[in-house]
Structure formats: C-alpha cells, structure tokens
PDB file of N, CA and C in Angstrom:
ATOM      1  N   UNK A   1       5.346   5.992 -12.544  1.00  0.00           N
ATOM      2  CA  UNK A   1       6.077   5.099 -11.665  1.00  0.00           C
ATOM      3  C   UNK A   1       5.145   4.044 -11.071  1.00  0.00           C
ATOM      4  N   UNK A   2       3.928   4.435 -10.681  1.00  0.00           N
ATOM      5  CA  UNK A   2       3.046   3.465 -10.030  1.00  0.00           C
ATOM      6  C   UNK A   2       2.653   2.333 -10.976  1.00  0.00           C
ATOM      7  N   UNK A   3       2.549   2.644 -12.271  1.00  0.00           N
ATOM      8  CA  UNK A   3       2.246   1.598 -13.251  1.00  0.00           C
ATOM      9  C   UNK A   3       3.394   0.592 -13.329  1.00  0.00           C
ATOM     10  N   UNK A   4       4.610   1.091 -13.224  1.00  0.00           N
ATOM     11  CA  UNK A   4       5.790   0.219 -13.235  1.00  0.00           C
ATOM     12  C   UNK A   4       5.758  -0.728 -12.034  1.00  0.00           C
ATOM     13  N   UNK A   5       5.423  -0.188 -10.885  1.00  0.00           N
ATOM     14  CA  UNK A   5       5.348  -1.013  -9.676  1.00  0.00           C
ATOM     15  C   UNK A   5       4.247  -2.057  -9.822  1.00  0.00           C
ATOM     16  N   UNK A   6       3.076  -1.634 -10.311  1.00  0.00           N
ATOM     17  CA  UNK A   6       1.972  -2.577 -10.500  1.00  0.00           C
ATOM     18  C   UNK A   6       2.373  -3.720 -11.428  1.00  0.00           C
ATOM     19  N   UNK A   7       3.102  -3.410 -12.476  1.00  0.00           N
ATOM     20  CA  UNK A   7       3.496  -4.453 -13.428  1.00  0.00           C
ATOM     21  C   UNK A   7       4.461  -5.455 -12.797  1.00  0.00           C
ATOM     22  N   UNK A   8       5.213  -5.028 -11.805  1.00  0.00           N
ATOM     23  CA  UNK A   8       6.167  -5.919 -11.143  1.00  0.00           C
ATOM     24  C   UNK A   8       5.501  -6.845 -10.121  1.00  0.00           C
ATOM     25  N   UNK A   9       4.241  -6.572  -9.786  1.00  0.00           N
ATOM     26  CA  UNK A   9       3.555  -7.403  -8.803  1.00  0.00           C
ATOM     27  C   UNK A   9       3.332  -8.827  -9.288  1.00  0.00           C
ATOM     28  N   UNK A  10       3.452  -9.051 -10.589  1.00  0.00           N
ATOM     29  CA  UNK A  10       3.314 -10.407 -11.125  1.00  0.00           C
ATOM     30  C   UNK A  10       4.522 -11.280 -10.794  1.00  0.00           C
ATOM     31  N   UNK A  11       5.666 -10.645 -10.593  1.00  0.00           N
ATOM     32  CA  UNK A  11       6.898 -11.416 -10.397  1.00  0.00           C
ATOM     33  C   UNK A  11       7.619 -11.118  -9.084  1.00  0.00           C
ATOM     34  N   UNK A  12       7.187 -10.080  -8.367  1.00  0.00           N
ATOM     35  CA  UNK A  12       7.834  -9.710  -7.106  1.00  0.00           C
ATOM     36  C   UNK A  12       6.777  -9.553  -6.027  1.00  0.00           C
ATOM     37  N   UNK A  13       7.181  -9.696  -4.780  1.00  0.00           N
ATOM     38  CA  UNK A  13       6.220  -9.584  -3.693  1.00  0.00           C
ATOM     39  C   UNK A  13       5.934  -8.119  -3.361  1.00  0.00           C
ATOM     40  N   UNK A  14       4.750  -7.888  -2.811  1.00  0.00           N
ATOM     41  CA  UNK A  14       4.378  -6.554  -2.348  1.00  0.00           C
ATOM     42  C   UNK A  14       5.420  -6.065  -1.343  1.00  0.00           C
ATOM     43  N   UNK A  15       5.815  -6.941  -0.447  1.00  0.00           N
ATOM     44  CA  UNK A  15       6.790  -6.584   0.588  1.00  0.00           C
ATOM     45  C   UNK A  15       8.100  -6.085  -0.020  1.00  0.00           C
ATOM     46  N   UNK A  16       8.624  -6.818  -0.996  1.00  0.00           N
ATOM     47  CA  UNK A  16       9.882  -6.415  -1.629  1.00  0.00           C
ATOM     48  C   UNK A  16       9.738  -5.100  -2.388  1.00  0.00           C
ATOM     49  N   UNK A  17       8.610  -4.922  -3.069  1.00  0.00           N
ATOM     50  CA  UNK A  17       8.391  -3.679  -3.815  1.00  0.00           C
ATOM     51  C   UNK A  17       8.224  -2.495  -2.874  1.00  0.00           C
ATOM     52  N   UNK A  18       7.563  -2.699  -1.741  1.00  0.00           N
ATOM     53  CA  UNK A  18       7.420  -1.624  -0.756  1.00  0.00           C
ATOM     54  C   UNK A  18       8.786  -1.212  -0.215  1.00  0.00           C
ATOM     55  N   UNK A  19       9.636  -2.185   0.050  1.00  0.00           N
ATOM     56  CA  UNK A  19      10.987  -1.868   0.539  1.00  0.00           C
ATOM     57  C   UNK A  19      11.766  -1.044  -0.480  1.00  0.00           C
ATOM     58  N   UNK A  20      11.567  -1.355  -1.754  1.00  0.00           N
ATOM     59  CA  UNK A  20      12.318  -0.681  -2.816  1.00  0.00           C
ATOM     60  C   UNK A  20      11.757   0.693  -3.168  1.00  0.00           C
ATOM     61  N   UNK A  21      10.434   0.837  -3.186  1.00  0.00           N
ATOM     62  CA  UNK A  21       9.831   2.039  -3.755  1.00  0.00           C
ATOM     63  C   UNK A  21       9.150   2.983  -2.763  1.00  0.00           C
ATOM     64  N   UNK A  22       8.824   2.531  -1.576  1.00  0.00           N
ATOM     65  CA  UNK A  22       8.077   3.386  -0.655  1.00  0.00           C
ATOM     66  C   UNK A  22       8.891   4.614  -0.259  1.00  0.00           C
ATOM     67  N   UNK A  23       8.217   5.762  -0.222  1.00  0.00           N
ATOM     68  CA  UNK A  23       8.847   6.998   0.240  1.00  0.00           C
ATOM     69  C   UNK A  23       8.751   7.149   1.756  1.00  0.00           C
ATOM     70  N   UNK A  24       8.008   6.262   2.403  1.00  0.00           N
ATOM     71  CA  UNK A  24       7.847   6.299   3.856  1.00  0.00           C
ATOM     72  C   UNK A  24       8.897   5.378   4.478  1.00  0.00           C
ATOM     73  N   UNK A  25       9.952   5.947   5.062  1.00  0.00           N
ATOM     74  CA  UNK A  25      11.033   5.105   5.566  1.00  0.00           C
ATOM     75  C   UNK A  25      10.576   4.100   6.628  1.00  0.00           C
ATOM     76  N   UNK A  26       9.602   4.476   7.431  1.00  0.00           N
ATOM     77  CA  UNK A  26       9.126   3.566   8.476  1.00  0.00           C
ATOM     78  C   UNK A  26       8.463   2.332   7.913  1.00  0.00           C
ATOM     79  N   UNK A  27       7.544   2.524   6.973  1.00  0.00           N
ATOM     80  CA  UNK A  27       6.860   1.354   6.411  1.00  0.00           C
ATOM     81  C   UNK A  27       7.737   0.633   5.387  1.00  0.00           C
ATOM     82  N   UNK A  28       8.600   1.352   4.696  1.00  0.00           N
ATOM     83  CA  UNK A  28       9.495   0.703   3.725  1.00  0.00           C
ATOM     84  C   UNK A  28      10.394  -0.308   4.428  1.00  0.00           C
ATOM     85  N   UNK A  29      10.877   0.044   5.592  1.00  0.00           N
ATOM     86  CA  UNK A  29      11.796  -0.827   6.330  1.00  0.00           C
ATOM     87  C   UNK A  29      11.164  -2.165   6.697  1.00  0.00           C
ATOM     88  N   UNK A  30       9.829  -2.189   6.801  1.00  0.00           N
ATOM     89  CA  UNK A  30       9.122  -3.420   7.175  1.00  0.00           C
ATOM     90  C   UNK A  30       8.256  -3.932   6.031  1.00  0.00           C
ATOM     91  N   UNK A  31       8.638  -3.602   4.815  1.00  0.00           N
ATOM     92  CA  UNK A  31       7.939  -4.119   3.645  1.00  0.00           C
ATOM     93  C   UNK A  31       6.524  -3.614   3.477  1.00  0.00           C
ATOM     94  N   UNK A  32       6.272  -2.389   3.924  1.00  0.00           N
ATOM     95  CA  UNK A  32       4.958  -1.792   3.755  1.00  0.00           C
ATOM     96  C   UNK A  32       3.959  -2.150   4.833  1.00  0.00           C
ATOM     97  N   UNK A  33       4.382  -2.913   5.831  1.00  0.00           N
ATOM     98  CA  UNK A  33       3.466  -3.340   6.893  1.00  0.00           C
ATOM     99  C   UNK A  33       3.153  -2.162   7.810  1.00  0.00           C
ATOM    100  N   UNK A  34       1.878  -1.790   7.861  1.00  0.00           N
ATOM    101  CA  UNK A  34       1.453  -0.682   8.711  1.00  0.00           C
ATOM    102  C   UNK A  34       0.851  -1.166  10.022  1.00  0.00           C
ATOM    103  N   UNK A  35       0.892  -2.461  10.256  1.00  0.00           N
ATOM    104  CA  UNK A  35       0.327  -3.011  11.481  1.00  0.00           C
ATOM    105  C   UNK A  35      -1.185  -3.129  11.398  1.00  0.00           C
ATOM    106  N   UNK A  36      -1.804  -3.403  12.534  1.00  0.00           N
ATOM    107  CA  UNK A  36      -3.254  -3.552  12.595  1.00  0.00           C
ATOM    108  C   UNK A  36      -3.899  -2.200  12.336  1.00  0.00           C
ATOM    109  N   UNK A  37      -4.853  -2.169  11.427  1.00  0.00           N
ATOM    110  CA  UNK A  37      -5.494  -0.907  11.045  1.00  0.00           C
ATOM    111  C   UNK A  37      -6.906  -0.839  11.601  1.00  0.00           C
ATOM    112  N   UNK A  38      -7.198   0.246  12.275  1.00  0.00           N
ATOM    113  CA  UNK A  38      -8.543   0.509  12.775  1.00  0.00           C
ATOM    114  C   UNK A  38      -9.015   1.823  12.188  1.00  0.00           C
ATOM    115  N   UNK A  39     -10.328   1.981  12.041  1.00  0.00           N
ATOM    116  CA  UNK A  39     -10.858   3.246  11.512  1.00  0.00           C
ATOM    117  C   UNK A  39     -10.350   4.442  12.322  1.00  0.00           C
ATOM    118  N   UNK A  40      -9.991   5.502  11.609  1.00  0.00           N
ATOM    119  CA  UNK A  40      -9.529   6.723  12.241  1.00  0.00           C
ATOM    120  C   UNK A  40      -8.016   6.878  12.264  1.00  0.00           C
ATOM    121  N   UNK A  41      -7.281   5.855  11.838  1.00  0.00           N
ATOM    122  CA  UNK A  41      -5.821   5.939  11.857  1.00  0.00           C
ATOM    123  C   UNK A  41      -5.237   6.603  10.617  1.00  0.00           C
ATOM    124  N   UNK A  42      -5.957   6.512   9.493  1.00  0.00           N
ATOM    125  CA  UNK A  42      -5.442   6.998   8.219  1.00  0.00           C
ATOM    126  C   UNK A  42      -6.397   8.021   7.619  1.00  0.00           C
ATOM    127  N   UNK A  43      -5.958   8.705   6.577  1.00  0.00           N
ATOM    128  CA  UNK A  43      -6.819   9.676   5.901  1.00  0.00           C
ATOM    129  C   UNK A  43      -7.982   8.938   5.230  1.00  0.00           C
ATOM    130  N   UNK A  44      -9.123   9.624   5.056  1.00  0.00           N
ATOM    131  CA  UNK A  44     -10.334   8.965   4.544  1.00  0.00           C
ATOM    132  C   UNK A  44     -10.158   8.210   3.228  1.00  0.00           C
ATOM    133  N   UNK A  45      -9.421   8.773   2.274  1.00  0.00           N
ATOM    134  CA  UNK A  45      -9.253   8.101   0.978  1.00  0.00           C
ATOM    135  C   UNK A  45      -8.541   6.754   1.147  1.00  0.00           C
ATOM    136  N   UNK A  46      -7.538   6.744   1.993  1.00  0.00           N
ATOM    137  CA  UNK A  46      -6.769   5.528   2.258  1.00  0.00           C
ATOM    138  C   UNK A  46      -7.653   4.496   2.955  1.00  0.00           C
ATOM    139  N   UNK A  47      -8.375   4.934   3.982  1.00  0.00           N
ATOM    140  CA  UNK A  47      -9.248   4.023   4.721  1.00  0.00           C
ATOM    141  C   UNK A  47     -10.368   3.469   3.856  1.00  0.00           C
ATOM    142  N   UNK A  48     -10.924   4.298   3.004  1.00  0.00           N
ATOM    143  CA  UNK A  48     -12.007   3.845   2.134  1.00  0.00           C
ATOM    144  C   UNK A  48     -11.548   2.669   1.280  1.00  0.00           C
ATOM    145  N   UNK A  49     -10.360   2.776   0.723  1.00  0.00           N
ATOM    146  CA  UNK A  49      -9.820   1.684  -0.092  1.00  0.00           C
ATOM    147  C   UNK A  49      -9.484   0.479   0.784  1.00  0.00           C
ATOM    148  N   UNK A  50      -8.790   0.714   1.872  1.00  0.00           N
ATOM    149  CA  UNK A  50      -8.333  -0.372   2.740  1.00  0.00           C
ATOM    150  C   UNK A  50      -9.488  -1.214   3.263  1.00  0.00           C
ATOM    151  N   UNK A  51     -10.506  -0.557   3.792  1.00  0.00           N
ATOM    152  CA  UNK A  51     -11.585  -1.292   4.441  1.00  0.00           C
ATOM    153  C   UNK A  51     -12.607  -1.862   3.462  1.00  0.00           C
ATOM    154  N   UNK A  52     -12.413  -1.623   2.172  1.00  0.00           N
ATOM    155  CA  UNK A  52     -13.292  -2.236   1.170  1.00  0.00           C
ATOM    156  C   UNK A  52     -12.618  -3.433   0.496  1.00  0.00           C
ATOM    157  N   UNK A  53     -11.402  -3.734   0.895  1.00  0.00           N
ATOM    158  CA  UNK A  53     -10.622  -4.802   0.263  1.00  0.00           C
ATOM    159  C   UNK A  53     -10.798  -6.126   0.989  1.00  0.00           C
ATOM    160  N   UNK A  54     -10.610  -7.209   0.243  1.00  0.00           N
ATOM    161  CA  UNK A  54     -10.543  -8.541   0.836  1.00  0.00           C
ATOM    162  C   UNK A  54      -9.096  -8.853   1.190  1.00  0.00           C
ATOM    163  N   UNK A  55      -8.911  -9.753   2.132  1.00  0.00           N
ATOM    164  CA  UNK A  55      -7.567 -10.178   2.518  1.00  0.00           C
ATOM    165  C   UNK A  55      -6.857 -10.748   1.293  1.00  0.00           C
ATOM    166  N   UNK A  56      -5.625 -10.322   1.103  1.00  0.00           N
ATOM    167  CA  UNK A  56      -4.812 -10.798  -0.009  1.00  0.00           C
ATOM    168  C   UNK A  56      -4.861  -9.921  -1.246  1.00  0.00           C
ATOM    169  N   UNK A  57      -5.759  -8.941  -1.263  1.00  0.00           N
ATOM    170  CA  UNK A  57      -5.865  -8.047  -2.421  1.00  0.00           C
ATOM    171  C   UNK A  57      -4.837  -6.930  -2.356  1.00  0.00           C
ATOM    172  N   UNK A  58      -4.553  -6.372  -3.525  1.00  0.00           N
ATOM    173  CA  UNK A  58      -3.742  -5.162  -3.641  1.00  0.00           C
ATOM    174  C   UNK A  58      -4.602  -4.149  -4.372  1.00  0.00           C
ATOM    175  N   UNK A  59      -4.679  -2.953  -3.828  1.00  0.00           N
ATOM    176  CA  UNK A  59      -5.576  -1.925  -4.359  1.00  0.00           C
ATOM    177  C   UNK A  59      -5.107  -1.358  -5.692  1.00  0.00           C
ATOM    178  N   UNK A  60      -6.038  -0.714  -6.354  1.00  0.00           N
ATOM    179  CA  UNK A  60      -5.690   0.192  -7.445  1.00  0.00           C
ATOM    180  C   UNK A  60      -4.994   1.387  -6.795  1.00  0.00           C
ATOM    181  N   UNK A  61      -4.310   2.226  -7.552  1.00  0.00           N
ATOM    182  CA  UNK A  61      -3.672   3.401  -6.959  1.00  0.00           C
ATOM    183  C   UNK A  61      -4.685   4.283  -6.219  1.00  0.00           C
ATOM    184  N   UNK A  62      -4.301   4.713  -5.026  1.00  0.00           N
ATOM    185  CA  UNK A  62      -5.133   5.576  -4.186  1.00  0.00           C
ATOM    186  C   UNK A  62      -4.384   6.889  -4.015  1.00  0.00           C
ATOM    187  N   UNK A  63      -5.048   8.008  -4.360  1.00  0.00           N
ATOM    188  CA  UNK A  63      -4.422   9.330  -4.226  1.00  0.00           C
ATOM    189  C   UNK A  63      -4.862   9.973  -2.919  1.00  0.00           C
ATOM    190  N   UNK A  64      -3.903  10.440  -2.139  1.00  0.00           N
ATOM    191  CA  UNK A  64      -4.175  11.214  -0.932  1.00  0.00           C
ATOM    192  C   UNK A  64      -3.296  12.465  -0.972  1.00  0.00           C
ATOM    193  N   UNK A  65      -3.414  13.300   0.034  1.00  0.00           N
ATOM    194  CA  UNK A  65      -2.549  14.480   0.125  1.00  0.00           C
ATOM    195  C   UNK A  65      -1.076  14.095   0.300  1.00  0.00           C
ATOM    196  N   UNK A  66      -0.819  12.837   0.645  1.00  0.00           N
ATOM    197  CA  UNK A  66       0.546  12.366   0.867  1.00  0.00           C
ATOM    198  C   UNK A  66       1.160  11.738  -0.374  1.00  0.00           C
ATOM    199  N   UNK A  67       0.363  11.590  -1.436  1.00  0.00           N
ATOM    200  CA  UNK A  67       0.859  10.986  -2.668  1.00  0.00           C
ATOM    201  C   UNK A  67      -0.042   9.866  -3.135  1.00  0.00           C
ATOM    202  N   UNK A  68       0.534   8.961  -3.910  1.00  0.00           N
ATOM    203  CA  UNK A  68      -0.194   7.802  -4.428  1.00  0.00           C
ATOM    204  C   UNK A  68       0.241   6.565  -3.663  1.00  0.00           C
ATOM    205  N   UNK A  69      -0.718   5.672  -3.444  1.00  0.00           N
ATOM    206  CA  UNK A  69      -0.461   4.486  -2.639  1.00  0.00           C
ATOM    207  C   UNK A  69      -1.009   3.247  -3.324  1.00  0.00           C
ATOM    208  N   UNK A  70      -0.293   2.146  -3.195  1.00  0.00           N
ATOM    209  CA  UNK A  70      -0.827   0.818  -3.461  1.00  0.00           C
ATOM    210  C   UNK A  70      -0.951   0.177  -2.088  1.00  0.00           C
ATOM    211  N   UNK A  71      -2.124  -0.322  -1.795  1.00  0.00           N
ATOM    212  CA  UNK A  71      -2.382  -0.880  -0.472  1.00  0.00           C
ATOM    213  C   UNK A  71      -2.500  -2.388  -0.598  1.00  0.00           C
ATOM    214  N   UNK A  72      -1.718  -3.085   0.175  1.00  0.00           N
ATOM    215  CA  UNK A  72      -1.813  -4.538   0.234  1.00  0.00           C
ATOM    216  C   UNK A  72      -2.531  -4.929   1.509  1.00  0.00           C
ATOM    217  N   UNK A  73      -3.580  -5.722   1.385  1.00  0.00           N
ATOM    218  CA  UNK A  73      -4.352  -6.133   2.553  1.00  0.00           C
ATOM    219  C   UNK A  73      -4.101  -7.608   2.802  1.00  0.00           C
ATOM    220  N   UNK A  74      -3.131  -7.873   3.607  1.00  0.00           N
ATOM    221  CA  UNK A  74      -2.912  -9.282   3.847  1.00  0.00           C
ATOM    222  C   UNK A  74      -1.726  -9.534   4.656  1.00  0.00           C
TER     223      UNK A  74
END
C-alpha cells in the first residue's frame, strides 16, 4: 500500500493523500499536519527521519511500532 501512495505523490498532494490513507483520524482530518514538532514528541524512529529532512521533502517509508509512515516536512 505504501508504494501505491508514494506513486501518487507525483500527481496528488501529500495533504490529500494523508486525508485519504492515514489511519490516524486526528492527523488525517487535517491532511497529515502534526503541528510544530519538537524533540521528544514522537517515537525515536519517526523523529530521526523527521529531523534529518529538509523543508518540502517527503520521507522514505519509516517503520515504527505504530506502523509505516510517510513524513512530509513542510
């Protein structure tokens, strides 16, 4: 499924895809926006990817105990 979502990023926005595919109802409702992120808010695997990204990037799939994530930084 995550490969399908990644392939749609060429033609659809991260926000729209998050609304459609996210299993987290809170973030899905706002297009994947998790608000301002500071260290210590998320699990280490998620933070490691997030804080190594440049603004406007979308991560490779990140696996955590909560599932797989595509992280948009922007």
